[in-house]
Amino acid sequence: MRHALGYRKLNKTSEHRKALFKNMLNSLIKYEQIITTLPKAKELKPQIDKVITLGKRKKLSCKKNFFLNYKMKNQ
């Protein structure tokens, strides 16, 4: 049975998955839309929801935490 497996592996190593989702998250924030597959989009949704929640808070610490974790370049 597949109870409580948690996430999709997408036939990639853990480092590749982390890099993939970090790049997809950055692209989604920068361009507001991306073209991807449905399983990748379903895995990205909880992460982007957390980032949106952080963005709603108007605290400097939230912004610093975001830039530290996702390494976005200021433009």
PDB file of N, CA and C in Angstrom:
ATOM      1  N   MET A   1       0.828  -1.181   0.000  1.00  0.00           N
ATOM      2  CA  MET A   1       0.000   0.000   0.000  1.00  0.00           C
ATOM      3  C   MET A   1       0.877   1.251   0.000  1.00  0.00           C
ATOM      4  N   ARG A   2       0.337   2.316  -0.528  1.00  0.00           N
ATOM      5  CA  ARG A   2       1.108   3.545  -0.670  1.00  0.00           C
ATOM      6  C   ARG A   2       0.710   4.605   0.353  1.00  0.00           C
ATOM      7  N   HIS A   3       0.411   4.228   1.560  1.00  0.00           N
ATOM      8  CA  HIS A   3      -0.015   5.206   2.549  1.00  0.00           C
ATOM      9  C   HIS A   3       1.152   6.071   3.004  1.00  0.00           C
ATOM     10  N   ALA A   4       0.929   7.353   3.079  1.00  0.00           N
ATOM     11  CA  ALA A   4       1.862   8.335   3.659  1.00  0.00           C
ATOM     12  C   ALA A   4       3.241   8.308   3.020  1.00  0.00           C
ATOM     13  N   LEU A   5       3.288   8.258   1.708  1.00  0.00           N
ATOM     14  CA  LEU A   5       4.587   8.307   1.040  1.00  0.00           C
ATOM     15  C   LEU A   5       5.133   9.718   0.985  1.00  0.00           C
ATOM     16  N   GLY A   6       4.290  10.717   0.892  1.00  0.00           N
ATOM     17  CA  GLY A   6       4.758  12.086   1.089  1.00  0.00           C
ATOM     18  C   GLY A   6       5.003  12.892  -0.156  1.00  0.00           C
ATOM     19  N   TYR A   7       5.742  12.414  -1.108  1.00  0.00           N
ATOM     20  CA  TYR A   7       6.063  13.217  -2.291  1.00  0.00           C
ATOM     21  C   TYR A   7       6.409  12.305  -3.456  1.00  0.00           C
ATOM     22  N   ARG A   8       6.419  12.878  -4.630  1.00  0.00           N
ATOM     23  CA  ARG A   8       6.792  12.130  -5.835  1.00  0.00           C
ATOM     24  C   ARG A   8       8.288  12.238  -6.051  1.00  0.00           C
ATOM     25  N   LYS A   9       8.910  11.179  -6.470  1.00  0.00           N
ATOM     26  CA  LYS A   9      10.358  11.207  -6.696  1.00  0.00           C
ATOM     27  C   LYS A   9      10.708  11.650  -8.103  1.00  0.00           C
ATOM     28  N   LEU A  10       9.794  11.493  -9.041  1.00  0.00           N
ATOM     29  CA  LEU A  10       9.956  11.966 -10.414  1.00  0.00           C
ATOM     30  C   LEU A  10      11.177  11.372 -11.109  1.00  0.00           C
ATOM     31  N   ASN A  11      11.622  10.200 -10.690  1.00  0.00           N
ATOM     32  CA  ASN A  11      12.788   9.511 -11.273  1.00  0.00           C
ATOM     33  C   ASN A  11      14.045  10.379 -11.282  1.00  0.00           C
ATOM     34  N   LYS A  12      14.232  11.149 -10.218  1.00  0.00           N
ATOM     35  CA  LYS A  12      15.404  12.023 -10.109  1.00  0.00           C
ATOM     36  C   LYS A  12      16.041  11.835  -8.734  1.00  0.00           C
ATOM     37  N   THR A  13      17.323  12.169  -8.631  1.00  0.00           N
ATOM     38  CA  THR A  13      17.982  12.097  -7.338  1.00  0.00           C
ATOM     39  C   THR A  13      17.494  13.254  -6.468  1.00  0.00           C
ATOM     40  N   SER A  14      17.749  13.174  -5.175  1.00  0.00           N
ATOM     41  CA  SER A  14      17.254  14.208  -4.266  1.00  0.00           C
ATOM     42  C   SER A  14      17.873  15.568  -4.576  1.00  0.00           C
ATOM     43  N   GLU A  15      19.159  15.599  -4.946  1.00  0.00           N
ATOM     44  CA  GLU A  15      19.798  16.873  -5.285  1.00  0.00           C
ATOM     45  C   GLU A  15      19.180  17.468  -6.547  1.00  0.00           C
ATOM     46  N   HIS A  16      18.894  16.595  -7.514  1.00  0.00           N
ATOM     47  CA  HIS A  16      18.290  17.068  -8.762  1.00  0.00           C
ATOM     48  C   HIS A  16      16.888  17.611  -8.516  1.00  0.00           C
ATOM     49  N   ARG A  17      16.115  16.921  -7.662  1.00  0.00           N
ATOM     50  CA  ARG A  17      14.768  17.387  -7.333  1.00  0.00           C
ATOM     51  C   ARG A  17      14.810  18.737  -6.641  1.00  0.00           C
ATOM     52  N   LYS A  18      15.729  18.898  -5.679  1.00  0.00           N
ATOM     53  CA  LYS A  18      15.837  20.178  -4.974  1.00  0.00           C
ATOM     54  C   LYS A  18      16.168  21.305  -5.931  1.00  0.00           C
ATOM     55  N   ALA A  19      17.122  21.076  -6.808  1.00  0.00           N
ATOM     56  CA  ALA A  19      17.514  22.099  -7.770  1.00  0.00           C
ATOM     57  C   ALA A  19      16.370  22.386  -8.745  1.00  0.00           C
ATOM     58  N   LEU A  20      15.692  21.350  -9.184  1.00  0.00           N
ATOM     59  CA  LEU A  20      14.580  21.498 -10.115  1.00  0.00           C
ATOM     60  C   LEU A  20      13.481  22.367  -9.512  1.00  0.00           C
ATOM     61  N   PHE A  21      13.087  22.064  -8.288  1.00  0.00           N
ATOM     62  CA  PHE A  21      12.003  22.818  -7.667  1.00  0.00           C
ATOM     63  C   PHE A  21      12.430  24.228  -7.298  1.00  0.00           C
ATOM     64  N   LYS A  22      13.682  24.414  -6.931  1.00  0.00           N
ATOM     65  CA  LYS A  22      14.163  25.762  -6.640  1.00  0.00           C
ATOM     66  C   LYS A  22      14.129  26.619  -7.905  1.00  0.00           C
ATOM     67  N   ASN A  23      14.573  26.056  -9.028  1.00  0.00           N
ATOM     68  CA  ASN A  23      14.550  26.791 -10.294  1.00  0.00           C
ATOM     69  C   ASN A  23      13.117  27.050 -10.759  1.00  0.00           C
ATOM     70  N   MET A  24      12.251  26.056 -10.607  1.00  0.00           N
ATOM     71  CA  MET A  24      10.860  26.245 -11.013  1.00  0.00           C
ATOM     72  C   MET A  24      10.179  27.309 -10.150  1.00  0.00           C
ATOM     73  N   LEU A  25      10.472  27.300  -8.864  1.00  0.00           N
ATOM     74  CA  LEU A  25       9.900  28.284  -7.952  1.00  0.00           C
ATOM     75  C   LEU A  25      10.361  29.686  -8.311  1.00  0.00           C
ATOM     76  N   ASN A  26      11.654  29.834  -8.580  1.00  0.00           N
ATOM     77  CA  ASN A  26      12.182  31.141  -8.963  1.00  0.00           C
ATOM     78  C   ASN A  26      11.568  31.615 -10.274  1.00  0.00           C
ATOM     79  N   SER A  27      11.425  30.728 -11.233  1.00  0.00           N
ATOM     80  CA  SER A  27      10.832  31.097 -12.518  1.00  0.00           C
ATOM     81  C   SER A  27       9.365  31.481 -12.353  1.00  0.00           C
ATOM     82  N   LEU A  28       8.657  30.748 -11.513  1.00  0.00           N
ATOM     83  CA  LEU A  28       7.244  31.046 -11.298  1.00  0.00           C
ATOM     84  C   LEU A  28       7.073  32.412 -10.645  1.00  0.00           C
ATOM     85  N   ILE A  29       7.934  32.742  -9.712  1.00  0.00           N
ATOM     86  CA  ILE A  29       7.855  34.055  -9.069  1.00  0.00           C
ATOM     87  C   ILE A  29       8.239  35.159 -10.053  1.00  0.00           C
ATOM     88  N   LYS A  30       9.250  34.907 -10.845  1.00  0.00           N
ATOM     89  CA  LYS A  30       9.739  35.929 -11.766  1.00  0.00           C
ATOM     90  C   LYS A  30       8.788  36.169 -12.934  1.00  0.00           C
ATOM     91  N   TYR A  31       8.280  35.101 -13.550  1.00  0.00           N
ATOM     92  CA  TYR A  31       7.474  35.233 -14.764  1.00  0.00           C
ATOM     93  C   TYR A  31       5.971  35.048 -14.536  1.00  0.00           C
ATOM     94  N   GLU A  32       5.583  34.664 -13.315  1.00  0.00           N
ATOM     95  CA  GLU A  32       4.192  34.483 -12.896  1.00  0.00           C
ATOM     96  C   GLU A  32       3.484  33.306 -13.557  1.00  0.00           C
ATOM     97  N   GLN A  33       4.105  32.640 -14.501  1.00  0.00           N
ATOM     98  CA  GLN A  33       3.555  31.407 -15.057  1.00  0.00           C
ATOM     99  C   GLN A  33       4.678  30.611 -15.696  1.00  0.00           C
ATOM    100  N   ILE A  34       4.554  29.298 -15.650  1.00  0.00           N
ATOM    101  CA  ILE A  34       5.545  28.420 -16.264  1.00  0.00           C
ATOM    102  C   ILE A  34       4.812  27.269 -16.942  1.00  0.00           C
ATOM    103  N   ILE A  35       5.486  26.623 -17.865  1.00  0.00           N
ATOM    104  CA  ILE A  35       4.951  25.442 -18.528  1.00  0.00           C
ATOM    105  C   ILE A  35       5.696  24.243 -17.970  1.00  0.00           C
ATOM    106  N   THR A  36       4.956  23.310 -17.401  1.00  0.00           N
ATOM    107  CA  THR A  36       5.569  22.135 -16.791  1.00  0.00           C
ATOM    108  C   THR A  36       4.574  20.978 -16.837  1.00  0.00           C
ATOM    109  N   THR A  37       5.003  19.832 -16.356  1.00  0.00           N
ATOM    110  CA  THR A  37       4.123  18.670 -16.335  1.00  0.00           C
ATOM    111  C   THR A  37       3.230  18.724 -15.098  1.00  0.00           C
ATOM    112  N   LEU A  38       2.144  17.988 -15.125  1.00  0.00           N
ATOM    113  CA  LEU A  38       1.193  17.985 -14.021  1.00  0.00           C
ATOM    114  C   LEU A  38       1.790  17.450 -12.713  1.00  0.00           C
ATOM    115  N   PRO A  39       2.551  16.342 -12.716  1.00  0.00           N
ATOM    116  CA  PRO A  39       3.133  15.880 -11.446  1.00  0.00           C
ATOM    117  C   PRO A  39       4.108  16.886 -10.837  1.00  0.00           C
ATOM    118  N   LYS A  40       4.898  17.549 -11.669  1.00  0.00           N
ATOM    119  CA  LYS A  40       5.817  18.568 -11.143  1.00  0.00           C
ATOM    120  C   LYS A  40       5.046  19.747 -10.566  1.00  0.00           C
ATOM    121  N   ALA A  41       3.982  20.135 -11.240  1.00  0.00           N
ATOM    122  CA  ALA A  41       3.167  21.256 -10.758  1.00  0.00           C
ATOM    123  C   ALA A  41       2.504  20.915  -9.425  1.00  0.00           C
ATOM    124  N   LYS A  42       2.050  19.670  -9.293  1.00  0.00           N
ATOM    125  CA  LYS A  42       1.412  19.251  -8.043  1.00  0.00           C
ATOM    126  C   LYS A  42       2.409  19.236  -6.889  1.00  0.00           C
ATOM    127  N   GLU A  43       3.655  18.912  -7.163  1.00  0.00           N
ATOM    128  CA  GLU A  43       4.684  18.923  -6.119  1.00  0.00           C
ATOM    129  C   GLU A  43       5.135  20.347  -5.799  1.00  0.00           C
ATOM    130  N   LEU A  44       5.043  21.245  -6.751  1.00  0.00           N
ATOM    131  CA  LEU A  44       5.480  22.630  -6.559  1.00  0.00           C
ATOM    132  C   LEU A  44       4.452  23.448  -5.788  1.00  0.00           C
ATOM    133  N   LYS A  45       3.185  23.074  -5.870  1.00  0.00           N
ATOM    134  CA  LYS A  45       2.118  23.867  -5.279  1.00  0.00           C
ATOM    135  C   LYS A  45       2.290  24.125  -3.778  1.00  0.00           C
ATOM    136  N   PRO A  46       2.579  23.127  -2.932  1.00  0.00           N
ATOM    137  CA  PRO A  46       2.753  23.424  -1.503  1.00  0.00           C
ATOM    138  C   PRO A  46       3.920  24.367  -1.232  1.00  0.00           C
ATOM    139  N   GLN A  47       4.981  24.259  -2.027  1.00  0.00           N
ATOM    140  CA  GLN A  47       6.136  25.128  -1.820  1.00  0.00           C
ATOM    141  C   GLN A  47       5.801  26.568  -2.176  1.00  0.00           C
ATOM    142  N   ILE A  48       5.113  26.776  -3.294  1.00  0.00           N
ATOM    143  CA  ILE A  48       4.777  28.132  -3.700  1.00  0.00           C
ATOM    144  C   ILE A  48       3.750  28.731  -2.749  1.00  0.00           C
ATOM    145  N   ASP A  49       2.875  27.915  -2.177  1.00  0.00           N
ATOM    146  CA  ASP A  49       1.921  28.421  -1.194  1.00  0.00           C
ATOM    147  C   ASP A  49       2.639  28.946   0.040  1.00  0.00           C
ATOM    148  N   LYS A  50       3.685  28.267   0.473  1.00  0.00           N
ATOM    149  CA  LYS A  50       4.458  28.729   1.624  1.00  0.00           C
ATOM    150  C   LYS A  50       5.157  30.049   1.315  1.00  0.00           C
ATOM    151  N   VAL A  51       5.672  30.174   0.089  1.00  0.00           N
ATOM    152  CA  VAL A  51       6.354  31.406  -0.299  1.00  0.00           C
ATOM    153  C   VAL A  51       5.370  32.568  -0.375  1.00  0.00           C
ATOM    154  N   ILE A  52       4.182  32.315  -0.890  1.00  0.00           N
ATOM    155  CA  ILE A  52       3.160  33.364  -0.964  1.00  0.00           C
ATOM    156  C   ILE A  52       2.760  33.811   0.436  1.00  0.00           C
ATOM    157  N   THR A  53       2.636  32.869   1.359  1.00  0.00           N
ATOM    158  CA  THR A  53       2.307  33.207   2.736  1.00  0.00           C
ATOM    159  C   THR A  53       3.410  34.057   3.355  1.00  0.00           C
ATOM    160  N   LEU A  54       4.676  33.714   3.076  1.00  0.00           N
ATOM    161  CA  LEU A  54       5.782  34.536   3.565  1.00  0.00           C
ATOM    162  C   LEU A  54       5.725  35.942   2.978  1.00  0.00           C
ATOM    163  N   GLY A  55       5.341  36.035   1.705  1.00  0.00           N
ATOM    164  CA  GLY A  55       5.272  37.332   1.053  1.00  0.00           C
ATOM    165  C   GLY A  55       4.176  38.218   1.594  1.00  0.00           C
ATOM    166  N   LYS A  56       3.125  37.621   2.127  1.00  0.00           N
ATOM    167  CA  LYS A  56       2.031  38.409   2.682  1.00  0.00           C
ATOM    168  C   LYS A  56       2.429  39.077   3.993  1.00  0.00           C
ATOM    169  N   ARG A  57       3.368  38.483   4.686  1.00  0.00           N
ATOM    170  CA  ARG A  57       3.866  39.096   5.922  1.00  0.00           C
ATOM    171  C   ARG A  57       4.810  40.230   5.541  1.00  0.00           C
ATOM    172  N   LYS A  58       4.642  41.370   6.135  1.00  0.00           N
ATOM    173  CA  LYS A  58       5.438  42.550   5.770  1.00  0.00           C
ATOM    174  C   LYS A  58       6.652  42.701   6.690  1.00  0.00           C
ATOM    175  N   LYS A  59       7.329  41.618   6.986  1.00  0.00           N
ATOM    176  CA  LYS A  59       8.476  41.675   7.887  1.00  0.00           C
ATOM    177  C   LYS A  59       9.765  41.503   7.104  1.00  0.00           C
ATOM    178  N   LEU A  60      10.779  42.205   7.529  1.00  0.00           N
ATOM    179  CA  LEU A  60      12.077  42.118   6.880  1.00  0.00           C
ATOM    180  C   LEU A  60      12.686  40.733   7.056  1.00  0.00           C
ATOM    181  N   SER A  61      12.456  40.113   8.193  1.00  0.00           N
ATOM    182  CA  SER A  61      13.019  38.781   8.436  1.00  0.00           C
ATOM    183  C   SER A  61      12.464  37.752   7.455  1.00  0.00           C
ATOM    184  N   CYS A  62      11.203  37.887   7.066  1.00  0.00           N
ATOM    185  CA  CYS A  62      10.607  36.963   6.096  1.00  0.00           C
ATOM    186  C   CYS A  62      11.272  37.114   4.736  1.00  0.00           C
ATOM    187  N   LYS A  63      11.524  38.362   4.342  1.00  0.00           N
ATOM    188  CA  LYS A  63      12.163  38.606   3.056  1.00  0.00           C
ATOM    189  C   LYS A  63      13.596  38.075   3.054  1.00  0.00           C
ATOM    190  N   LYS A  64      14.318  38.293   4.141  1.00  0.00           N
ATOM    191  CA  LYS A  64      15.694  37.802   4.241  1.00  0.00           C
ATOM    192  C   LYS A  64      15.724  36.274   4.184  1.00  0.00           C
ATOM    193  N   ASN A  65      14.788  35.651   4.877  1.00  0.00           N
ATOM    194  CA  ASN A  65      14.714  34.191   4.884  1.00  0.00           C
ATOM    195  C   ASN A  65      14.438  33.659   3.481  1.00  0.00           C
ATOM    196  N   PHE A  66      13.550  34.323   2.753  1.00  0.00           N
ATOM    197  CA  PHE A  66      13.249  33.902   1.396  1.00  0.00           C
ATOM    198  C   PHE A  66      14.477  34.011   0.500  1.00  0.00           C
ATOM    199  N   PHE A  67      15.156  35.146   0.542  1.00  0.00           N
ATOM    200  CA  PHE A  67      16.317  35.341  -0.324  1.00  0.00           C
ATOM    201  C   PHE A  67      17.466  34.407   0.049  1.00  0.00           C
ATOM    202  N   LEU A  68      17.565  34.049   1.322  1.00  0.00           N
ATOM    203  CA  LEU A  68      18.594  33.089   1.736  1.00  0.00           C
ATOM    204  C   LEU A  68      18.306  31.700   1.194  1.00  0.00           C
ATOM    205  N   ASN A  69      17.051  31.271   1.298  1.00  0.00           N
ATOM    206  CA  ASN A  69      16.701  29.901   0.918  1.00  0.00           C
ATOM    207  C   ASN A  69      16.588  29.704  -0.582  1.00  0.00           C
ATOM    208  N   TYR A  70      16.158  30.713  -1.309  1.00  0.00           N
ATOM    209  CA  TYR A  70      15.881  30.520  -2.724  1.00  0.00           C
ATOM    210  C   TYR A  70      16.861  31.233  -3.642  1.00  0.00           C
ATOM    211  N   LYS A  71      17.777  32.017  -3.083  1.00  0.00           N
ATOM    212  CA  LYS A  71      18.882  32.625  -3.828  1.00  0.00           C
ATOM    213  C   LYS A  71      18.399  33.349  -5.086  1.00  0.00           C
ATOM    214  N   MET A  72      17.417  34.198  -4.921  1.00  0.00           N
ATOM    215  CA  MET A  72      16.945  35.008  -6.042  1.00  0.00           C
ATOM    216  C   MET A  72      17.854  36.211  -6.196  1.00  0.00           C
ATOM    217  N   LYS A  73      18.115  36.600  -7.427  1.00  0.00           N
ATOM    218  CA  LYS A  73      18.927  37.777  -7.691  1.00  0.00           C
ATOM    219  C   LYS A  73      18.029  39.006  -7.692  1.00  0.00           C
ATOM    220  N   ASN A  74      18.507  40.082  -7.087  1.00  0.00           N
ATOM    221  CA  ASN A  74      17.740  41.326  -7.116  1.00  0.00           C
ATOM    222  C   ASN A  74      17.814  41.926  -8.496  1.00  0.00           C
ATOM    223  N   GLN A  75      16.661  42.317  -9.026  1.00  0.00           N
ATOM    224  CA  GLN A  75      16.640  42.899 -10.360  1.00  0.00           C
ATOM    225  C   GLN A  75      15.885  44.184 -10.368  1.00  0.00           C
TER     226      GLN A  75
END
